[in-house]
PDB file of N, CA and C in Angstrom:
ATOM      1  N   MET A   1      25.356 -14.526  20.585  1.00  0.00           N
ATOM      2  CA  MET A   1      24.822 -13.819  19.520  1.00  0.00           C
ATOM      3  C   MET A   1      25.482 -13.617  18.384  1.00  0.00           C
ATOM      4  N   THR A   2      26.949 -14.297  18.243  1.00  0.00           N
ATOM      5  CA  THR A   2      27.506 -14.386  16.423  1.00  0.00           C
ATOM      6  C   THR A   2      26.583 -15.285  16.061  1.00  0.00           C
ATOM      7  N   ALA A   3      26.314 -16.695  16.433  1.00  0.00           N
ATOM      8  CA  ALA A   3      25.517 -17.376  15.806  1.00  0.00           C
ATOM      9  C   ALA A   3      23.888 -17.098  15.183  1.00  0.00           C
ATOM     10  N   LEU A   4      23.712 -16.197  15.840  1.00  0.00           N
ATOM     11  CA  LEU A   4      21.918 -15.336  15.707  1.00  0.00           C
ATOM     12  C   LEU A   4      22.105 -14.692  14.713  1.00  0.00           C
ATOM     13  N   LEU A   5      23.509 -14.105  14.238  1.00  0.00           N
ATOM     14  CA  LEU A   5      23.822 -13.000  13.326  1.00  0.00           C
ATOM     15  C   LEU A   5      24.577 -13.402  11.734  1.00  0.00           C
ATOM     16  N   SER A   6      25.008 -15.204  12.463  1.00  0.00           N
ATOM     17  CA  SER A   6      24.964 -15.216  11.413  1.00  0.00           C
ATOM     18  C   SER A   6      24.430 -16.599  10.673  1.00  0.00           C
ATOM     19  N   GLN A   7      23.573 -16.996  10.776  1.00  0.00           N
ATOM     20  CA  GLN A   7      22.213 -17.322  10.233  1.00  0.00           C
ATOM     21  C   GLN A   7      20.864 -16.761   9.765  1.00  0.00           C
ATOM     22  N   GLY A   8      21.519 -15.405   9.990  1.00  0.00           N
ATOM     23  CA  GLY A   8      20.121 -14.563   9.654  1.00  0.00           C
ATOM     24  C   GLY A   8      19.093 -14.315  10.193  1.00  0.00           C
ATOM     25  N   VAL A   9      19.516 -14.623  11.411  1.00  0.00           N
ATOM     26  CA  VAL A   9      17.988 -14.647  12.417  1.00  0.00           C
ATOM     27  C   VAL A   9      17.700 -13.082  12.725  1.00  0.00           C
ATOM     28  N   CYS A  10      18.368 -11.985  13.108  1.00  0.00           N
ATOM     29  CA  CYS A  10      18.452 -11.098  13.373  1.00  0.00           C
ATOM     30  C   CYS A  10      17.727 -10.380  12.023  1.00  0.00           C
ATOM     31  N   ASP A  11      18.374 -10.900  11.051  1.00  0.00           N
ATOM     32  CA  ASP A  11      18.006  -9.877  10.065  1.00  0.00           C
ATOM     33  C   ASP A  11      16.828  -9.671   9.576  1.00  0.00           C
ATOM     34  N   ARG A  12      15.937 -10.152   9.881  1.00  0.00           N
ATOM     35  CA  ARG A  12      14.535 -10.076   9.957  1.00  0.00           C
ATOM     36  C   ARG A  12      14.021  -9.706  11.305  1.00  0.00           C
ATOM     37  N   ALA A  13      14.399  -9.332  12.312  1.00  0.00           N
ATOM     38  CA  ALA A  13      13.843  -9.178  13.520  1.00  0.00           C
ATOM     39  C   ALA A  13      13.667  -7.886  13.697  1.00  0.00           C
ATOM     40  N   PHE A  14      13.026  -7.099  14.710  1.00  0.00           N
ATOM     41  CA  PHE A  14      11.784  -6.231  14.347  1.00  0.00           C
ATOM     42  C   PHE A  14      11.307  -5.526  16.157  1.00  0.00           C
ATOM     43  N   LEU A  15      11.680  -4.658  16.115  1.00  0.00           N
ATOM     44  CA  LEU A  15      11.697  -3.974  16.979  1.00  0.00           C
ATOM     45  C   LEU A  15      10.749  -3.243  17.713  1.00  0.00           C
ATOM     46  N   CYS A  16       9.680  -4.133  18.434  1.00  0.00           N
ATOM     47  CA  CYS A  16       8.087  -3.486  18.726  1.00  0.00           C
ATOM     48  C   CYS A  16       8.030  -2.505  19.909  1.00  0.00           C
ATOM     49  N   ALA A  17       7.026  -1.760  19.403  1.00  0.00           N
ATOM     50  CA  ALA A  17       7.518  -0.492  19.910  1.00  0.00           C
ATOM     51  C   ALA A  17       7.216  -0.019  22.404  1.00  0.00           C
ATOM     52  N   ASP A  18       6.020  -1.370  22.125  1.00  0.00           N
ATOM     53  CA  ASP A  18       6.817  -1.896  23.828  1.00  0.00           C
ATOM     54  C   ASP A  18       8.101  -2.854  24.242  1.00  0.00           C
ATOM     55  N   GLY A  19       9.131  -2.425  23.712  1.00  0.00           N
ATOM     56  CA  GLY A  19      10.053  -2.952  23.638  1.00  0.00           C
ATOM     57  C   GLY A  19      10.709  -4.952  23.653  1.00  0.00           C
ATOM     58  N   THR A  20       9.144  -4.907  23.466  1.00  0.00           N
ATOM     59  CA  THR A  20      10.224  -6.684  22.722  1.00  0.00           C
ATOM     60  C   THR A  20      10.074  -6.882  21.464  1.00  0.00           C
ATOM     61  N   PHE A  21      10.945  -7.747  20.709  1.00  0.00           N
ATOM     62  CA  PHE A  21      11.346  -8.204  19.659  1.00  0.00           C
ATOM     63  C   PHE A  21      10.304  -9.363  18.976  1.00  0.00           C
ATOM     64  N   SER A  22      10.427  -8.655  18.049  1.00  0.00           N
ATOM     65  CA  SER A  22       9.209  -9.906  16.811  1.00  0.00           C
ATOM     66  C   SER A  22      10.910 -10.255  16.283  1.00  0.00           C
ATOM     67  N   ILE A  23      10.897 -11.980  16.117  1.00  0.00           N
ATOM     68  CA  ILE A  23      11.623 -12.788  15.272  1.00  0.00           C
ATOM     69  C   ILE A  23      11.729 -12.802  14.139  1.00  0.00           C
ATOM     70  N   GLY A  24      10.225 -13.656  14.247  1.00  0.00           N
ATOM     71  CA  GLY A  24       9.599 -13.454  12.679  1.00  0.00           C
ATOM     72  C   GLY A  24       9.936 -12.632  11.368  1.00  0.00           C
ATOM     73  N   GLY A  25       9.735 -11.365  11.610  1.00  0.00           N
ATOM     74  CA  GLY A  25      10.631 -10.270  11.202  1.00  0.00           C
ATOM     75  C   GLY A  25       8.741  -9.189  10.427  1.00  0.00           C
ATOM     76  N   ARG A  26       9.146  -8.609   9.831  1.00  0.00           N
ATOM     77  CA  ARG A  26       8.298  -7.685   8.821  1.00  0.00           C
ATOM     78  C   ARG A  26       8.067  -7.253   8.323  1.00  0.00           C
ATOM     79  N   CYS A  27       6.371  -7.581   7.782  1.00  0.00           N
ATOM     80  CA  CYS A  27       5.714  -7.516   6.285  1.00  0.00           C
ATOM     81  C   CYS A  27       5.685  -8.941   6.181  1.00  0.00           C
ATOM     82  N   ASP A  28       5.360 -10.484   6.692  1.00  0.00           N
ATOM     83  CA  ASP A  28       4.922 -11.365   6.513  1.00  0.00           C
ATOM     84  C   ASP A  28       4.186 -12.184   6.809  1.00  0.00           C
ATOM     85  N   PHE A  29       2.626 -10.787   6.986  1.00  0.00           N
ATOM     86  CA  PHE A  29       1.635 -10.991   7.036  1.00  0.00           C
ATOM     87  C   PHE A  29       1.533 -11.720   8.231  1.00  0.00           C
ATOM     88  N   LYS A  30       2.255 -12.147   9.097  1.00  0.00           N
ATOM     89  CA  LYS A  30       1.995 -12.433  10.566  1.00  0.00           C
ATOM     90  C   LYS A  30       2.443 -11.178  11.614  1.00  0.00           C
ATOM     91  N   LEU A  31       0.921 -10.476  12.370  1.00  0.00           N
ATOM     92  CA  LEU A  31       1.160 -10.061  13.531  1.00  0.00           C
ATOM     93  C   LEU A  31       1.972 -10.141  14.594  1.00  0.00           C
ATOM     94  N   ASP A  32       2.950  -9.631  14.979  1.00  0.00           N
ATOM     95  CA  ASP A  32       4.136 -10.060  16.152  1.00  0.00           C
ATOM     96  C   ASP A  32       4.001  -9.555  16.799  1.00  0.00           C
ATOM     97  N   CYS A  33       3.617  -8.195  17.123  1.00  0.00           N
ATOM     98  CA  CYS A  33       3.836  -7.734  17.490  1.00  0.00           C
ATOM     99  C   CYS A  33       2.354  -7.476  18.418  1.00  0.00           C
ATOM    100  N   PRO A  34       2.056  -6.709  19.864  1.00  0.00           N
ATOM    101  CA  PRO A  34       1.113  -6.650  20.074  1.00  0.00           C
ATOM    102  C   PRO A  34      -0.068  -5.585  19.344  1.00  0.00           C
ATOM    103  N   ASP A  35       0.796  -4.360  18.561  1.00  0.00           N
ATOM    104  CA  ASP A  35       0.175  -2.959  18.736  1.00  0.00           C
ATOM    105  C   ASP A  35       0.020  -3.393  16.536  1.00  0.00           C
ATOM    106  N   GLY A  36       0.521  -4.601  15.918  1.00  0.00           N
ATOM    107  CA  GLY A  36       0.528  -4.868  14.991  1.00  0.00           C
ATOM    108  C   GLY A  36       1.726  -4.408  14.136  1.00  0.00           C
ATOM    109  N   GLY A  37       2.360  -3.420  14.819  1.00  0.00           N
ATOM    110  CA  GLY A  37       3.276  -2.389  14.246  1.00  0.00           C
ATOM    111  C   GLY A  37       4.854  -3.718  13.422  1.00  0.00           C
ATOM    112  N   ASP A  38       4.301  -4.264  13.323  1.00  0.00           N
ATOM    113  CA  ASP A  38       5.406  -4.907  13.075  1.00  0.00           C
ATOM    114  C   ASP A  38       4.999  -5.634  10.979  1.00  0.00           C
ATOM    115  N   GLU A  39       3.589  -5.372  10.975  1.00  0.00           N
ATOM    116  CA  GLU A  39       3.448  -5.101   9.748  1.00  0.00           C
ATOM    117  C   GLU A  39       2.709  -3.964   9.258  1.00  0.00           C
ATOM    118  N   ARG A  40       2.473  -2.286  10.015  1.00  0.00           N
ATOM    119  CA  ARG A  40       1.770  -1.558   9.129  1.00  0.00           C
ATOM    120  C   ARG A  40       2.910  -1.429   7.889  1.00  0.00           C
ATOM    121  N   GLY A  41       1.783  -0.615   7.098  1.00  0.00           N
ATOM    122  CA  GLY A  41       3.303   0.100   5.681  1.00  0.00           C
ATOM    123  C   GLY A  41       3.017  -0.726   5.175  1.00  0.00           C
ATOM    124  N   CYS A  42       3.181  -1.965   5.493  1.00  0.00           N
ATOM    125  CA  CYS A  42       3.668  -3.579   4.215  1.00  0.00           C
ATOM    126  C   CYS A  42       2.992  -3.419   3.109  1.00  0.00           C
ATOM    127  N   GLY A  43       1.674  -2.585   2.277  1.00  0.00           N
ATOM    128  CA  GLY A  43       0.969  -2.958   1.995  1.00  0.00           C
ATOM    129  C   GLY A  43      -0.687  -3.593   1.991  1.00  0.00           C
ATOM    130  N   HIS A  44      -0.500  -4.636   3.008  1.00  0.00           N
ATOM    131  CA  HIS A  44      -0.883  -5.535   3.699  1.00  0.00           C
ATOM    132  C   HIS A  44      -2.503  -4.757   3.763  1.00  0.00           C
ATOM    133  N   LEU A  45      -3.945  -6.281   3.327  1.00  0.00           N
ATOM    134  CA  LEU A  45      -4.853  -5.390   3.190  1.00  0.00           C
ATOM    135  C   LEU A  45      -5.235  -5.660   4.308  1.00  0.00           C
ATOM    136  N   MET A  46      -6.462  -5.891   5.756  1.00  0.00           N
ATOM    137  CA  MET A  46      -6.847  -6.320   6.806  1.00  0.00           C
ATOM    138  C   MET A  46      -8.418  -7.266   6.614  1.00  0.00           C
ATOM    139  N   CYS A  47      -8.198  -7.926   6.195  1.00  0.00           N
ATOM    140  CA  CYS A  47     -10.033  -8.571   5.331  1.00  0.00           C
ATOM    141  C   CYS A  47     -10.582  -9.612   6.641  1.00  0.00           C
ATOM    142  N   GLY A  48     -10.636  -8.788   7.614  1.00  0.00           N
ATOM    143  CA  GLY A  48     -12.056  -9.855   8.458  1.00  0.00           C
ATOM    144  C   GLY A  48     -10.801  -9.387   9.939  1.00  0.00           C
ATOM    145  N   ASP A  49     -10.725 -10.305  10.006  1.00  0.00           N
ATOM    146  CA  ASP A  49      -9.381 -10.785  11.835  1.00  0.00           C
ATOM    147  C   ASP A  49      -7.809 -11.147  10.516  1.00  0.00           C
ATOM    148  N   LYS A  50      -7.741 -10.802   9.466  1.00  0.00           N
ATOM    149  CA  LYS A  50      -6.244 -11.575   9.167  1.00  0.00           C
ATOM    150  C   LYS A  50      -5.817 -10.697   7.731  1.00  0.00           C
ATOM    151  N   LEU A  51      -4.142 -10.215   7.821  1.00  0.00           N
ATOM    152  CA  LEU A  51      -3.397  -9.948   6.585  1.00  0.00           C
ATOM    153  C   LEU A  51      -3.888 -10.665   5.251  1.00  0.00           C
ATOM    154  N   ILE A  52      -3.624 -10.590   4.240  1.00  0.00           N
ATOM    155  CA  ILE A  52      -3.841 -10.474   2.985  1.00  0.00           C
ATOM    156  C   ILE A  52      -2.485  -9.759   1.993  1.00  0.00           C
ATOM    157  N   ASP A  53      -2.949 -10.483   0.527  1.00  0.00           N
ATOM    158  CA  ASP A  53      -1.809  -9.590  -0.220  1.00  0.00           C
ATOM    159  C   ASP A  53      -3.194  -8.866  -0.949  1.00  0.00           C
ATOM    160  N   PRO A  54      -3.190  -7.438  -1.574  1.00  0.00           N
ATOM    161  CA  PRO A  54      -4.768  -6.712  -1.490  1.00  0.00           C
ATOM    162  C   PRO A  54      -5.133  -7.684  -2.409  1.00  0.00           C
ATOM    163  N   PHE A  55      -3.691  -7.947  -3.735  1.00  0.00           N
ATOM    164  CA  PHE A  55      -4.485  -8.737  -4.772  1.00  0.00           C
ATOM    165  C   PHE A  55      -5.445  -9.617  -4.875  1.00  0.00           C
ATOM    166  N   SER A  56      -5.400 -10.428  -3.899  1.00  0.00           N
ATOM    167  CA  SER A  56      -6.481 -11.580  -3.074  1.00  0.00           C
ATOM    168  C   SER A  56      -7.738 -11.230  -2.675  1.00  0.00           C
ATOM    169  N   ALA A  57      -7.485  -9.408  -3.187  1.00  0.00           N
ATOM    170  CA  ALA A  57      -9.584  -9.241  -1.925  1.00  0.00           C
ATOM    171  C   ALA A  57      -9.967 -10.286  -2.624  1.00  0.00           C
ATOM    172  N   CYS A  58     -10.336  -9.740  -4.026  1.00  0.00           N
ATOM    173  CA  CYS A  58     -10.654 -10.938  -4.837  1.00  0.00           C
ATOM    174  C   CYS A  58     -11.208 -12.141  -4.479  1.00  0.00           C
ATOM    175  N   ASP A  59     -10.094 -13.256  -4.437  1.00  0.00           N
ATOM    176  CA  ASP A  59     -10.210 -14.083  -4.163  1.00  0.00           C
ATOM    177  C   ASP A  59     -11.021 -14.828  -2.714  1.00  0.00           C
ATOM    178  N   ALA A  60     -11.901 -15.189  -2.741  1.00  0.00           N
ATOM    179  CA  ALA A  60     -13.499 -15.840  -2.308  1.00  0.00           C
ATOM    180  C   ALA A  60     -12.991 -17.125  -1.311  1.00  0.00           C
ATOM    181  N   ALA A  61     -11.656 -17.876  -1.780  1.00  0.00           N
ATOM    182  CA  ALA A  61     -11.090 -17.842  -0.400  1.00  0.00           C
ATOM    183  C   ALA A  61      -9.963 -17.468   0.115  1.00  0.00           C
ATOM    184  N   SER A  62      -9.604 -16.378  -0.069  1.00  0.00           N
ATOM    185  CA  SER A  62      -8.498 -15.816   0.592  1.00  0.00           C
ATOM    186  C   SER A  62      -9.474 -14.454   1.676  1.00  0.00           C
ATOM    187  N   CYS A  63     -10.876 -13.852   0.733  1.00  0.00           N
ATOM    188  CA  CYS A  63     -11.544 -12.916   1.289  1.00  0.00           C
ATOM    189  C   CYS A  63     -12.843 -12.943   0.871  1.00  0.00           C
ATOM    190  N   PRO A  64     -13.435 -13.932   2.105  1.00  0.00           N
ATOM    191  CA  PRO A  64     -14.801 -14.373   1.808  1.00  0.00           C
ATOM    192  C   PRO A  64     -15.999 -11.972   1.265  1.00  0.00           C
ATOM    193  N   ALA A  65     -16.863 -12.713  -0.031  1.00  0.00           N
ATOM    194  CA  ALA A  65     -17.257 -11.720   0.080  1.00  0.00           C
ATOM    195  C   ALA A  65     -18.113 -11.071   0.957  1.00  0.00           C
ATOM    196  N   THR A  66     -18.086 -11.442   1.860  1.00  0.00           N
ATOM    197  CA  THR A  66     -19.144 -11.533   2.735  1.00  0.00           C
ATOM    198  C   THR A  66     -18.909 -10.750   3.945  1.00  0.00           C
ATOM    199  N   THR A  67     -18.087 -10.168   4.181  1.00  0.00           N
ATOM    200  CA  THR A  67     -16.794  -9.570   4.721  1.00  0.00           C
ATOM    201  C   THR A  67     -16.629  -8.719   4.932  1.00  0.00           C
ATOM    202  N   PHE A  68     -17.543  -7.583   3.559  1.00  0.00           N
ATOM    203  CA  PHE A  68     -17.832  -6.363   3.853  1.00  0.00           C
ATOM    204  C   PHE A  68     -18.958  -5.784   2.844  1.00  0.00           C
ATOM    205  N   THR A  69     -19.529  -4.999   3.553  1.00  0.00           N
ATOM    206  CA  THR A  69     -21.057  -3.921   2.707  1.00  0.00           C
ATOM    207  C   THR A  69     -20.260  -3.100   2.042  1.00  0.00           C
ATOM    208  N   PRO A  70     -20.656  -2.432   1.586  1.00  0.00           N
ATOM    209  CA  PRO A  70     -20.468  -3.006   0.683  1.00  0.00           C
ATOM    210  C   PRO A  70     -19.853  -3.414  -0.604  1.00  0.00           C
ATOM    211  N   PRO A  71     -19.613  -5.208  -1.039  1.00  0.00           N
ATOM    212  CA  PRO A  71     -18.563  -5.616  -1.256  1.00  0.00           C
ATOM    213  C   PRO A  71     -17.311  -5.055  -2.326  1.00  0.00           C
ATOM    214  N   LEU A  72     -15.894  -5.663  -1.583  1.00  0.00           N
ATOM    215  CA  LEU A  72     -15.327  -5.138  -2.281  1.00  0.00           C
ATOM    216  C   LEU A  72     -14.917  -5.286  -3.693  1.00  0.00           C
ATOM    217  N   CYS A  73     -15.262  -5.890  -4.395  1.00  0.00           N
ATOM    218  CA  CYS A  73     -14.641  -7.233  -5.662  1.00  0.00           C
ATOM    219  C   CYS A  73     -15.966  -6.949  -6.388  1.00  0.00           C
ATOM    220  N   ALA A  74     -16.278  -6.869  -7.941  1.00  0.00           N
ATOM    221  CA  ALA A  74     -17.091  -6.691  -9.175  1.00  0.00           C
ATOM    222  C   ALA A  74     -17.462  -8.127  -9.032  1.00  0.00           C
ATOM    223  N   PRO A  75     -18.903  -8.765  -8.910  1.00  0.00           N
ATOM    224  CA  PRO A  75     -18.730 -10.533  -8.991  1.00  0.00           C
ATOM    225  C   PRO A  75     -18.828 -10.878 -10.226  1.00  0.00           C
ATOM    226  N   ASP A  76     -18.959  -9.998 -11.579  1.00  0.00           N
ATOM    227  CA  ASP A  76     -18.533 -10.563 -12.860  1.00  0.00           C
ATOM    228  C   ASP A  76     -16.926  -9.824 -13.164  1.00  0.00           C
ATOM    229  N   ASN A  77     -16.280  -9.454 -12.528  1.00  0.00           N
ATOM    230  CA  ASN A  77     -14.377  -8.895 -12.935  1.00  0.00           C
ATOM    231  C   ASN A  77     -13.742  -9.036 -11.645  1.00  0.00           C
ATOM    232  N   PRO A  78     -13.283  -9.786 -11.149  1.00  0.00           N
ATOM    233  CA  PRO A  78     -11.967  -9.655  -9.923  1.00  0.00           C
ATOM    234  C   PRO A  78     -11.368  -9.189 -10.382  1.00  0.00           C
ATOM    235  N   THR A  79     -10.812  -8.491 -11.274  1.00  0.00           N
ATOM    236  CA  THR A  79      -9.419  -7.826 -10.988  1.00  0.00           C
ATOM    237  C   THR A  79     -10.157  -5.856 -11.373  1.00  0.00           C
ATOM    238  N   GLN A  80     -12.300  -5.902 -10.645  1.00  0.00           N
ATOM    239  CA  GLN A  80     -12.131  -4.576 -10.844  1.00  0.00           C
ATOM    240  C   GLN A  80     -12.704  -4.437  -8.904  1.00  0.00           C
ATOM    241  N   PHE A  81     -11.926  -3.097  -8.010  1.00  0.00           N
ATOM    242  CA  PHE A  81     -12.327  -2.784  -7.274  1.00  0.00           C
ATOM    243  C   PHE A  81     -13.287  -2.235  -7.228  1.00  0.00           C
ATOM    244  N   LEU A  82     -14.478  -1.934  -6.546  1.00  0.00           N
ATOM    245  CA  LEU A  82     -15.217  -1.460  -6.126  1.00  0.00           C
ATOM    246  C   LEU A  82     -15.396  -0.465  -5.015  1.00  0.00           C
ATOM    247  N   CYS A  83     -15.205   0.813  -5.410  1.00  0.00           N
ATOM    248  CA  CYS A  83     -15.245   2.218  -4.639  1.00  0.00           C
ATOM    249  C   CYS A  83     -16.767   1.999  -3.699  1.00  0.00           C
ATOM    250  N   GLY A  84     -17.415   1.932  -4.109  1.00  0.00           N
ATOM    251  CA  GLY A  84     -18.167   1.900  -2.878  1.00  0.00           C
ATOM    252  C   GLY A  84     -19.251   3.651  -3.252  1.00  0.00           C
ATOM    253  N   ASP A  85     -18.946   4.080  -4.514  1.00  0.00           N
ATOM    254  CA  ASP A  85     -19.975   5.052  -4.749  1.00  0.00           C
ATOM    255  C   ASP A  85     -20.027   5.132  -7.003  1.00  0.00           C
ATOM    256  N   GLY A  86     -20.205   3.657  -6.838  1.00  0.00           N
ATOM    257  CA  GLY A  86     -20.208   3.645  -8.284  1.00  0.00           C
ATOM    258  C   GLY A  86     -19.341   3.876  -9.576  1.00  0.00           C
ATOM    259  N   THR A  87     -17.900   3.860  -8.608  1.00  0.00           N
ATOM    260  CA  THR A  87     -17.043   3.939  -9.766  1.00  0.00           C
ATOM    261  C   THR A  87     -15.828   2.265  -8.801  1.00  0.00           C
ATOM    262  N   SER A  88     -14.991   2.036  -9.893  1.00  0.00           N
ATOM    263  CA  SER A  88     -14.719   1.080  -9.569  1.00  0.00           C
ATOM    264  C   SER A  88     -12.963   1.980 -10.184  1.00  0.00           C
ATOM    265  N   THR A  89     -11.476   0.849  -9.418  1.00  0.00           N
ATOM    266  CA  THR A  89     -10.776   1.033 -10.108  1.00  0.00           C
ATOM    267  C   THR A  89      -9.767   0.063 -10.153  1.00  0.00           C
ATOM    268  N   SER A  90      -8.735  -0.921 -11.077  1.00  0.00           N
ATOM    269  CA  SER A  90      -7.824  -1.865 -11.073  1.00  0.00           C
ATOM    270  C   SER A  90      -7.294  -2.211  -9.911  1.00  0.00           C
ATOM    271  N   ILE A  91      -7.192  -3.706  -9.309  1.00  0.00           N
ATOM    272  CA  ILE A  91      -7.706  -4.589  -8.206  1.00  0.00           C
ATOM    273  C   ILE A  91      -5.753  -4.227  -7.570  1.00  0.00           C
ATOM    274  N   LEU A  92      -5.269  -4.038  -9.288  1.00  0.00           N
ATOM    275  CA  LEU A  92      -3.519  -3.366  -9.021  1.00  0.00           C
ATOM    276  C   LEU A  92      -3.844  -2.474  -7.931  1.00  0.00           C
ATOM    277  N   ASN A  93      -4.342  -1.492  -8.145  1.00  0.00           N
ATOM    278  CA  ASN A  93      -4.947   0.347  -6.952  1.00  0.00           C
ATOM    279  C   ASN A  93      -4.715  -0.579  -5.405  1.00  0.00           C
ATOM    280  N   VAL A  94      -4.644  -1.457  -5.243  1.00  0.00           N
ATOM    281  CA  VAL A  94      -5.838  -1.277  -4.029  1.00  0.00           C
ATOM    282  C   VAL A  94      -4.329  -1.162  -3.196  1.00  0.00           C
ATOM    283  N   CYS A  95      -4.373  -0.531  -1.565  1.00  0.00           N
ATOM    284  CA  CYS A  95      -3.148  -0.463  -0.528  1.00  0.00           C
ATOM    285  C   CYS A  95      -1.636   0.126  -1.681  1.00  0.00           C
ATOM    286  N   ASN A  96      -1.433   0.731  -2.534  1.00  0.00           N
ATOM    287  CA  ASN A  96      -0.547   1.129  -3.258  1.00  0.00           C
ATOM    288  C   ASN A  96       0.219   3.226  -2.269  1.00  0.00           C
ATOM    289  N   GLY A  97      -0.727   3.117  -1.695  1.00  0.00           N
ATOM    290  CA  GLY A  97      -0.070   4.213  -0.983  1.00  0.00           C
ATOM    291  C   GLY A  97      -1.149   5.553  -1.529  1.00  0.00           C
ATOM    292  N   ALA A  98      -1.757   4.979  -2.542  1.00  0.00           N
ATOM    293  CA  ALA A  98      -2.428   6.226  -3.113  1.00  0.00           C
ATOM    294  C   ALA A  98      -4.439   5.855  -3.592  1.00  0.00           C
ATOM    295  N   SER A  99      -4.926   7.189  -3.174  1.00  0.00           N
ATOM    296  CA  SER A  99      -5.905   6.849  -2.981  1.00  0.00           C
ATOM    297  C   SER A  99      -6.910   7.020  -4.789  1.00  0.00           C
ATOM    298  N   ASN A 100      -6.542   5.628  -4.615  1.00  0.00           N
ATOM    299  CA  ASN A 100      -7.487   6.111  -6.706  1.00  0.00           C
ATOM    300  C   ASN A 100      -8.900   6.313  -6.667  1.00  0.00           C
ATOM    301  N   CYS A 101      -9.719   5.970  -5.646  1.00  0.00           N
ATOM    302  CA  CYS A 101     -11.239   5.502  -5.343  1.00  0.00           C
ATOM    303  C   CYS A 101     -11.407   6.925  -4.819  1.00  0.00           C
ATOM    304  N   ALA A 102     -11.917   8.022  -5.812  1.00  0.00           N
ATOM    305  CA  ALA A 102     -12.132   9.768  -5.314  1.00  0.00           C
ATOM    306  C   ALA A 102     -12.846   9.091  -3.559  1.00  0.00           C
ATOM    307  N   ASN A 103     -13.111   8.298  -2.941  1.00  0.00           N
ATOM    308  CA  ASN A 103     -13.593   8.136  -1.474  1.00  0.00           C
ATOM    309  C   ASN A 103     -12.290   7.931  -0.129  1.00  0.00           C
ATOM    310  N   GLY A 104     -11.652   7.151  -1.048  1.00  0.00           N
ATOM    311  CA  GLY A 104      -9.610   6.306  -0.525  1.00  0.00           C
ATOM    312  C   GLY A 104     -10.583   4.881  -0.206  1.00  0.00           C
ATOM    313  N   ARG A 105     -11.719   4.577  -0.558  1.00  0.00           N
ATOM    314  CA  ARG A 105     -11.920   2.976  -0.257  1.00  0.00           C
ATOM    315  C   ARG A 105     -10.629   2.386  -0.196  1.00  0.00           C
ATOM    316  N   ASP A 106     -10.254   2.183  -1.860  1.00  0.00           N
ATOM    317  CA  ASP A 106      -9.164   1.556  -1.901  1.00  0.00           C
ATOM    318  C   ASP A 106      -8.109   1.143  -1.059  1.00  0.00           C
ATOM    319  N   GLU A 107      -7.934   2.550  -0.152  1.00  0.00           N
ATOM    320  CA  GLU A 107      -6.262   2.225   1.066  1.00  0.00           C
ATOM    321  C   GLU A 107      -7.577   1.991   2.550  1.00  0.00           C
ATOM    322  N   GLN A 108      -7.822   2.259   2.206  1.00  0.00           N
ATOM    323  CA  GLN A 108      -8.835   2.356   4.109  1.00  0.00           C
ATOM    324  C   GLN A 108      -8.833   1.234   4.438  1.00  0.00           C
ATOM    325  N   TYR A 109      -8.592  -0.126   4.049  1.00  0.00           N
ATOM    326  CA  TYR A 109      -8.951  -1.640   5.343  1.00  0.00           C
ATOM    327  C   TYR A 109      -6.983  -2.203   4.693  1.00  0.00           C
ATOM    328  N   CYS A 110      -6.236  -1.104   4.712  1.00  0.00           N
ATOM    329  CA  CYS A 110      -4.674  -1.326   4.235  1.00  0.00           C
ATOM    330  C   CYS A 110      -4.221  -1.366   5.568  1.00  0.00           C
ATOM    331  N   PHE A 111      -3.245  -2.082   5.941  1.00  0.00           N
ATOM    332  CA  PHE A 111      -3.214  -1.900   6.976  1.00  0.00           C
ATOM    333  C   PHE A 111      -1.003  -1.879   7.049  1.00  0.00           C
TER     334      PHE A 111
END
């Protein structure tokens, strides 16, 4: 056990709700726990079946525009997140823990 501790492996370990351990760690964009608990509250955005950095929500390579209806981002301005009610907010506000859209859409897909 000392070897594991000295190599820093346990520094990233996370106890899952089912009693198993995730050695990969918390907030690493990988769902290691069966319930995804190792990634909850990390400020990631769920795009389809993968977790991405919310700042990448408007990047078609990271999150295809067809994943969400209505789309998440303004087609002519990838720095603007569409609230879906005719308003928008900066992509920097997505998954920041505060609802910057009146309808809360900027936090709706956060994991």
